[in-house]
């Protein structure tokens, strides 16, 4: 929808995913959109290098979030909010539904 603005379809996907769930990691995003993992990783790396996103290491996973110090963060989130409102309702619901992981350890 807004790939012209964001540069590519996967760039839009990354931003919308992180906007709707507050964080995400490459494999999770690629799996959600059923797309190539490497292209999602490239977008995440590019956005982190540009200061839009930040990441941290959690075990072997690297979750990404919006950089609170990014100077245009409020404007970017406003644009993403508007773009998100034009997504089909079923996709909106899937994006905001954050399924918690079950702890399989016996207590």
N, C-alpha and C. Protein backbone atom coordinates (compact mmCIF):
# COMPACT_ATOMS: atom_id res chain seq x y z
N UNK A 1 0.83 -1.19 0.00
CA UNK A 1 0.00 0.00 0.00
C UNK A 1 0.88 1.26 0.00
N UNK A 2 1.82 1.34 0.91
CA UNK A 2 2.69 2.51 1.03
C UNK A 2 4.13 2.19 0.71
N UNK A 3 4.35 1.15 -0.07
CA UNK A 3 5.72 0.75 -0.37
C UNK A 3 6.50 1.84 -1.09
N UNK A 4 5.82 2.70 -1.84
CA UNK A 4 6.50 3.80 -2.52
C UNK A 4 7.08 4.75 -1.47
N UNK A 5 6.32 5.02 -0.43
CA UNK A 5 6.79 5.91 0.63
C UNK A 5 7.93 5.28 1.43
N UNK A 6 7.80 4.01 1.75
CA UNK A 6 8.76 3.35 2.62
C UNK A 6 9.91 2.70 1.87
N UNK A 7 9.85 2.66 0.56
CA UNK A 7 10.94 2.12 -0.23
C UNK A 7 10.73 0.70 -0.73
N UNK A 8 10.04 -0.10 0.03
CA UNK A 8 9.75 -1.47 -0.40
C UNK A 8 8.60 -2.03 0.41
N UNK A 9 8.04 -3.09 -0.10
CA UNK A 9 6.93 -3.75 0.60
C UNK A 9 7.39 -4.29 1.95
N UNK A 10 8.60 -4.86 2.00
CA UNK A 10 9.08 -5.41 3.25
C UNK A 10 9.43 -4.33 4.28
N UNK A 11 9.84 -3.17 3.83
CA UNK A 11 10.07 -2.07 4.76
C UNK A 11 8.75 -1.67 5.42
N UNK A 12 7.70 -1.58 4.61
CA UNK A 12 6.38 -1.27 5.16
C UNK A 12 5.93 -2.36 6.13
N UNK A 13 6.14 -3.60 5.76
CA UNK A 13 5.74 -4.72 6.62
C UNK A 13 6.43 -4.66 7.98
N UNK A 14 7.74 -4.40 7.96
CA UNK A 14 8.50 -4.31 9.21
C UNK A 14 7.95 -3.19 10.09
N UNK A 15 7.75 -2.02 9.51
CA UNK A 15 7.28 -0.88 10.30
C UNK A 15 5.87 -1.10 10.84
N UNK A 16 4.98 -1.62 10.03
CA UNK A 16 3.61 -1.88 10.47
C UNK A 16 3.60 -2.94 11.57
N UNK A 17 4.39 -3.98 11.40
CA UNK A 17 4.44 -5.05 12.39
C UNK A 17 4.91 -4.50 13.74
N UNK A 18 6.00 -3.75 13.73
CA UNK A 18 6.53 -3.21 14.98
C UNK A 18 5.60 -2.15 15.55
N UNK A 19 4.96 -1.37 14.68
CA UNK A 19 3.97 -0.39 15.15
C UNK A 19 2.82 -1.09 15.89
N UNK A 20 2.32 -2.16 15.33
CA UNK A 20 1.15 -2.81 15.91
C UNK A 20 1.47 -3.68 17.14
N UNK A 21 2.68 -4.22 17.21
CA UNK A 21 3.04 -5.11 18.33
C UNK A 21 4.09 -4.54 19.26
N UNK A 22 4.58 -3.36 18.99
CA UNK A 22 5.59 -2.66 19.78
C UNK A 22 7.00 -3.25 19.66
N UNK A 23 7.12 -4.47 19.21
CA UNK A 23 8.44 -5.05 18.95
C UNK A 23 8.29 -6.28 18.07
N UNK A 24 9.40 -6.70 17.50
CA UNK A 24 9.38 -7.89 16.67
C UNK A 24 10.79 -8.29 16.31
N UNK A 25 10.94 -9.53 15.96
CA UNK A 25 12.24 -10.00 15.49
C UNK A 25 12.09 -10.59 14.10
N UNK A 26 13.19 -10.72 13.40
CA UNK A 26 13.19 -11.03 11.97
C UNK A 26 12.38 -12.27 11.61
N UNK A 27 12.65 -13.37 12.27
CA UNK A 27 11.98 -14.63 11.91
C UNK A 27 10.48 -14.53 12.15
N UNK A 28 10.08 -13.90 13.24
CA UNK A 28 8.67 -13.72 13.57
C UNK A 28 7.96 -12.89 12.49
N UNK A 29 8.59 -11.82 12.05
CA UNK A 29 7.99 -10.95 11.03
C UNK A 29 7.91 -11.68 9.69
N UNK A 30 8.99 -12.34 9.31
CA UNK A 30 9.01 -13.08 8.04
C UNK A 30 7.95 -14.18 8.05
N UNK A 31 7.81 -14.87 9.17
CA UNK A 31 6.81 -15.95 9.27
C UNK A 31 5.40 -15.38 9.18
N UNK A 32 5.16 -14.25 9.85
CA UNK A 32 3.82 -13.65 9.84
C UNK A 32 3.40 -13.30 8.41
N UNK A 33 4.30 -12.70 7.65
CA UNK A 33 3.98 -12.26 6.29
C UNK A 33 4.29 -13.33 5.24
N UNK A 34 4.82 -14.48 5.67
CA UNK A 34 5.18 -15.56 4.76
C UNK A 34 6.10 -15.05 3.65
N UNK A 35 7.18 -14.42 4.07
CA UNK A 35 8.13 -13.83 3.13
C UNK A 35 9.55 -14.26 3.49
N UNK A 36 10.49 -13.88 2.65
CA UNK A 36 11.89 -14.25 2.79
C UNK A 36 12.52 -13.63 4.04
N UNK A 37 13.15 -14.45 4.86
CA UNK A 37 13.78 -14.00 6.10
C UNK A 37 14.90 -13.00 5.83
N UNK A 38 15.72 -13.26 4.84
CA UNK A 38 16.88 -12.40 4.56
C UNK A 38 16.45 -10.97 4.21
N UNK A 39 15.38 -10.82 3.45
CA UNK A 39 14.94 -9.47 3.09
C UNK A 39 14.40 -8.72 4.31
N UNK A 40 13.77 -9.43 5.23
CA UNK A 40 13.30 -8.79 6.47
C UNK A 40 14.50 -8.39 7.33
N UNK A 41 15.50 -9.27 7.42
CA UNK A 41 16.71 -8.96 8.17
C UNK A 41 17.41 -7.73 7.59
N UNK A 42 17.46 -7.65 6.26
CA UNK A 42 18.09 -6.49 5.61
C UNK A 42 17.36 -5.20 5.96
N UNK A 43 16.03 -5.24 5.95
CA UNK A 43 15.25 -4.05 6.29
C UNK A 43 15.47 -3.65 7.75
N UNK A 44 15.48 -4.62 8.64
CA UNK A 44 15.71 -4.33 10.05
C UNK A 44 17.09 -3.71 10.26
N UNK A 45 18.10 -4.28 9.60
CA UNK A 45 19.47 -3.74 9.71
C UNK A 45 19.54 -2.32 9.17
N UNK A 46 18.89 -2.09 8.03
CA UNK A 46 18.91 -0.77 7.42
C UNK A 46 18.22 0.26 8.33
N UNK A 47 17.09 -0.12 8.92
CA UNK A 47 16.36 0.81 9.79
C UNK A 47 17.09 1.05 11.10
N UNK A 48 17.81 0.05 11.57
CA UNK A 48 18.61 0.25 12.79
C UNK A 48 19.80 1.16 12.49
N UNK A 49 20.43 0.97 11.35
CA UNK A 49 21.55 1.83 10.96
C UNK A 49 21.10 3.27 10.77
N UNK A 50 19.86 3.45 10.30
CA UNK A 50 19.31 4.79 10.11
C UNK A 50 18.76 5.42 11.37
N UNK A 51 18.76 4.67 12.47
CA UNK A 51 18.31 5.23 13.74
C UNK A 51 16.82 5.14 13.99
N UNK A 52 16.07 4.51 13.10
CA UNK A 52 14.62 4.38 13.26
C UNK A 52 14.30 3.31 14.30
N UNK A 53 15.04 2.21 14.27
CA UNK A 53 14.83 1.10 15.18
C UNK A 53 16.05 0.88 16.05
N UNK A 54 15.84 0.25 17.18
CA UNK A 54 16.93 -0.21 18.04
C UNK A 54 16.66 -1.67 18.37
N UNK A 55 17.73 -2.39 18.68
CA UNK A 55 17.57 -3.80 19.03
C UNK A 55 18.38 -4.10 20.28
N UNK A 56 18.08 -5.24 20.85
CA UNK A 56 18.85 -5.72 22.00
C UNK A 56 18.92 -7.23 21.86
N UNK A 57 19.86 -7.83 22.53
CA UNK A 57 19.97 -9.28 22.48
C UNK A 57 19.26 -9.89 23.66
N UNK A 58 18.39 -10.84 23.36
CA UNK A 58 17.69 -11.62 24.39
C UNK A 58 17.98 -13.08 24.06
N UNK A 59 18.99 -13.62 24.70
CA UNK A 59 19.43 -14.97 24.33
C UNK A 59 19.97 -14.96 22.92
N UNK A 60 19.40 -15.80 22.07
CA UNK A 60 19.82 -15.82 20.66
C UNK A 60 18.88 -15.02 19.77
N UNK A 61 17.97 -14.31 20.38
CA UNK A 61 16.98 -13.53 19.62
C UNK A 61 17.34 -12.05 19.71
N UNK A 62 17.03 -11.30 18.66
CA UNK A 62 17.28 -9.87 18.63
C UNK A 62 15.97 -9.15 18.31
N UNK A 63 15.19 -8.80 19.36
CA UNK A 63 13.95 -8.05 19.12
C UNK A 63 14.25 -6.58 18.81
N UNK A 64 13.46 -6.04 17.90
CA UNK A 64 13.59 -4.64 17.48
C UNK A 64 12.39 -3.84 17.96
N UNK A 65 12.64 -2.60 18.34
CA UNK A 65 11.60 -1.66 18.73
C UNK A 65 11.91 -0.32 18.09
N UNK A 66 10.95 0.59 18.14
CA UNK A 66 11.22 1.94 17.65
C UNK A 66 12.22 2.62 18.57
N UNK A 67 13.10 3.39 17.98
CA UNK A 67 14.09 4.15 18.74
C UNK A 67 13.40 5.37 19.34
N UNK A 68 13.28 5.44 20.66
CA UNK A 68 12.60 6.59 21.26
C UNK A 68 13.31 7.91 21.01
N UNK A 69 14.56 7.87 20.60
CA UNK A 69 15.33 9.09 20.32
C UNK A 69 15.26 9.52 18.85
N UNK A 70 14.56 8.74 18.03
CA UNK A 70 14.43 9.09 16.62
C UNK A 70 13.63 10.39 16.51
N UNK A 71 14.19 11.38 15.84
CA UNK A 71 13.61 12.72 15.83
C UNK A 71 12.23 12.81 15.17
N UNK A 72 11.92 11.92 14.25
CA UNK A 72 10.63 11.97 13.57
C UNK A 72 9.70 10.82 14.01
N UNK A 73 9.92 10.30 15.21
CA UNK A 73 9.15 9.15 15.67
C UNK A 73 7.66 9.44 15.75
N UNK A 74 7.28 10.57 16.30
CA UNK A 74 5.85 10.90 16.42
C UNK A 74 5.20 11.00 15.04
N UNK A 75 5.88 11.61 14.10
CA UNK A 75 5.35 11.74 12.75
C UNK A 75 5.27 10.38 12.06
N UNK A 76 6.30 9.56 12.25
CA UNK A 76 6.31 8.22 11.65
C UNK A 76 5.16 7.38 12.20
N UNK A 77 4.97 7.42 13.52
CA UNK A 77 3.88 6.66 14.13
C UNK A 77 2.52 7.17 13.66
N UNK A 78 2.39 8.47 13.46
CA UNK A 78 1.15 9.02 12.94
C UNK A 78 0.87 8.51 11.54
N UNK A 79 1.89 8.46 10.70
CA UNK A 79 1.75 7.94 9.35
C UNK A 79 1.41 6.45 9.37
N UNK A 80 2.08 5.70 10.23
CA UNK A 80 1.80 4.27 10.34
C UNK A 80 0.40 4.00 10.88
N UNK A 81 -0.06 4.83 11.80
CA UNK A 81 -1.41 4.69 12.33
C UNK A 81 -2.44 4.87 11.21
N UNK A 82 -2.23 5.87 10.39
CA UNK A 82 -3.13 6.13 9.27
C UNK A 82 -3.07 4.98 8.26
N UNK A 83 -1.87 4.54 7.92
CA UNK A 83 -1.72 3.43 6.97
C UNK A 83 -2.37 2.16 7.53
N UNK A 84 -2.18 1.90 8.81
CA UNK A 84 -2.75 0.72 9.46
C UNK A 84 -4.27 0.73 9.38
N UNK A 85 -4.88 1.91 9.46
CA UNK A 85 -6.34 2.01 9.43
C UNK A 85 -6.92 1.59 8.08
N UNK A 86 -6.11 1.58 7.03
CA UNK A 86 -6.57 1.18 5.71
C UNK A 86 -6.36 -0.31 5.43
N UNK A 87 -5.71 -1.01 6.34
CA UNK A 87 -5.52 -2.45 6.18
C UNK A 87 -6.86 -3.15 6.38
N UNK A 88 -7.06 -4.30 5.75
CA UNK A 88 -8.30 -5.07 5.97
C UNK A 88 -8.44 -5.42 7.46
N UNK A 89 -9.66 -5.43 7.94
CA UNK A 89 -9.92 -5.65 9.36
C UNK A 89 -9.31 -6.96 9.87
N UNK A 90 -9.39 -8.02 9.07
CA UNK A 90 -8.83 -9.30 9.53
C UNK A 90 -7.32 -9.22 9.71
N UNK A 91 -6.62 -8.49 8.84
CA UNK A 91 -5.18 -8.32 8.98
C UNK A 91 -4.85 -7.45 10.19
N UNK A 92 -5.65 -6.41 10.42
CA UNK A 92 -5.46 -5.57 11.61
C UNK A 92 -5.57 -6.42 12.87
N UNK A 93 -6.58 -7.27 12.92
CA UNK A 93 -6.79 -8.11 14.11
C UNK A 93 -5.64 -9.09 14.30
N UNK A 94 -5.15 -9.67 13.22
CA UNK A 94 -4.02 -10.60 13.32
C UNK A 94 -2.77 -9.88 13.81
N UNK A 95 -2.57 -8.66 13.34
CA UNK A 95 -1.38 -7.90 13.73
C UNK A 95 -1.41 -7.53 15.21
N UNK A 96 -2.55 -7.14 15.71
CA UNK A 96 -2.59 -6.70 17.12
C UNK A 96 -2.75 -7.85 18.09
N UNK A 97 -3.11 -9.03 17.60
CA UNK A 97 -3.25 -10.17 18.48
C UNK A 97 -1.86 -10.71 18.80
N UNK A 98 -1.41 -10.43 19.98
CA UNK A 98 -0.10 -10.87 20.42
C UNK A 98 -0.27 -12.11 21.27
N UNK A 99 0.02 -13.26 20.71
CA UNK A 99 -0.14 -14.51 21.45
C UNK A 99 1.02 -14.70 22.40
N UNK A 100 0.75 -14.78 23.68
CA UNK A 100 1.86 -15.03 24.61
C UNK A 100 2.38 -16.46 24.45
N UNK A 101 3.65 -16.64 24.65
CA UNK A 101 4.23 -17.97 24.55
C UNK A 101 3.92 -18.73 25.83
N UNK A 102 3.60 -19.97 25.67
CA UNK A 102 3.30 -20.80 26.82
C UNK A 102 4.58 -21.29 27.44
N UNK A 103 4.62 -21.27 28.75
CA UNK A 103 5.75 -21.80 29.47
C UNK A 103 5.53 -23.29 29.63
N UNK A 104 6.36 -24.09 28.98
CA UNK A 104 6.14 -25.53 28.98
C UNK A 104 6.85 -26.23 30.15
N UNK A 105 7.59 -25.49 30.95
CA UNK A 105 8.24 -26.09 32.10
C UNK A 105 7.21 -26.44 33.16
N UNK A 106 7.37 -27.58 33.76
CA UNK A 106 6.49 -27.97 34.87
C UNK A 106 6.95 -27.27 36.13
N UNK A 107 6.02 -26.78 36.86
CA UNK A 107 6.37 -26.09 38.11
C UNK A 107 5.98 -26.91 39.30
